[in-house]
Amino acid sequence: MTADVSTHGAPPGLRPAARPKAPLGHRIYHSFVLRRLLRSIFVIWVVASGVFLMVRLLPGNPVDV
């Protein structure tokens, strides 16, 4: 009897089901969406920080203006 290394000692009938890889189009799309989401969060943070700093640099009290 030969040992099957890929089953890690499990009997042949109890092998875990292999998870199929997602098609290339789905992986590219999800990667694209993740990049766009992270970039949009960064842009929103930069714009909010810029507006905050510009209001603070104005002369006088921002509440009075």
Protein backbone atom coordinates (compact mmCIF):
# COMPACT_ATOMS: atom_id res chain seq x y z
CA MET A 1 0.00 0.00 0.00
CA THR A 2 1.41 3.40 -0.97
CA ALA A 3 0.94 6.61 0.99
CA ASP A 4 -0.65 9.54 -0.76
CA VAL A 5 1.11 12.71 0.36
CA SER A 6 -1.60 15.11 -0.83
CA THR A 7 -4.25 13.73 1.56
CA HIS A 8 -2.14 14.21 4.71
CA GLY A 9 -3.03 10.74 5.98
CA ALA A 10 -6.78 10.90 5.28
CA PRO A 11 -8.37 7.87 3.66
CA PRO A 12 -9.11 8.31 -0.06
CA GLY A 13 -12.87 8.58 0.52
CA LEU A 14 -12.47 11.46 3.01
CA ARG A 15 -10.43 13.87 0.92
CA PRO A 16 -11.52 17.50 1.29
CA ALA A 17 -13.13 18.98 -1.78
CA ALA A 18 -10.75 21.19 -3.72
CA ARG A 19 -11.95 24.76 -4.05
CA PRO A 20 -11.97 25.74 -7.71
CA LYS A 21 -10.11 28.87 -8.71
CA ALA A 22 -12.19 31.80 -9.80
CA PRO A 23 -12.03 32.57 -13.51
CA LEU A 24 -9.43 35.11 -14.54
CA GLY A 25 -12.05 37.71 -15.38
CA HIS A 26 -13.50 37.58 -11.88
CA ARG A 27 -10.10 37.88 -10.24
CA ILE A 28 -9.19 40.88 -12.41
CA TYR A 29 -12.56 42.53 -11.72
CA HIS A 30 -12.29 42.04 -7.95
CA SER A 31 -8.74 43.34 -7.98
CA PHE A 32 -9.90 46.37 -9.99
CA VAL A 33 -12.77 47.07 -7.60
CA LEU A 34 -10.49 46.76 -4.57
CA ARG A 35 -7.95 49.17 -6.08
CA ARG A 36 -10.69 51.68 -6.96
CA LEU A 37 -12.21 51.42 -3.49
CA LEU A 38 -8.88 51.99 -1.73
CA ARG A 39 -8.00 54.84 -4.06
CA SER A 40 -11.37 56.52 -3.51
CA ILE A 41 -11.00 56.28 0.27
CA PHE A 42 -7.56 57.87 -0.01
CA VAL A 43 -8.85 60.68 -2.27
CA ILE A 44 -11.75 61.43 0.09
CA TRP A 45 -9.30 61.61 3.02
CA VAL A 46 -6.96 63.96 1.11
CA VAL A 47 -9.80 66.26 0.03
CA ALA A 48 -11.30 66.38 3.54
CA SER A 49 -7.88 67.14 5.05
CA GLY A 50 -7.21 69.83 2.45
CA VAL A 51 -10.53 71.56 3.09
CA PHE A 52 -9.97 71.38 6.84
CA LEU A 53 -6.51 72.92 6.54
CA MET A 54 -7.66 75.66 4.14
CA VAL A 55 -10.45 76.67 6.51
CA ARG A 56 -7.95 76.79 9.38
CA LEU A 57 -5.57 78.99 7.34
CA LEU A 58 -8.24 81.62 6.67
CA PRO A 59 -7.87 84.76 8.75
CA GLY A 60 -10.33 85.13 11.60
CA ASN A 61 -12.59 82.61 13.24
CA PRO A 62 -14.20 80.03 10.91
CA VAL A 63 -17.46 80.27 12.89
CA ASP A 64 -17.67 84.05 12.36
CA VAL A 65 -17.01 83.74 8.62
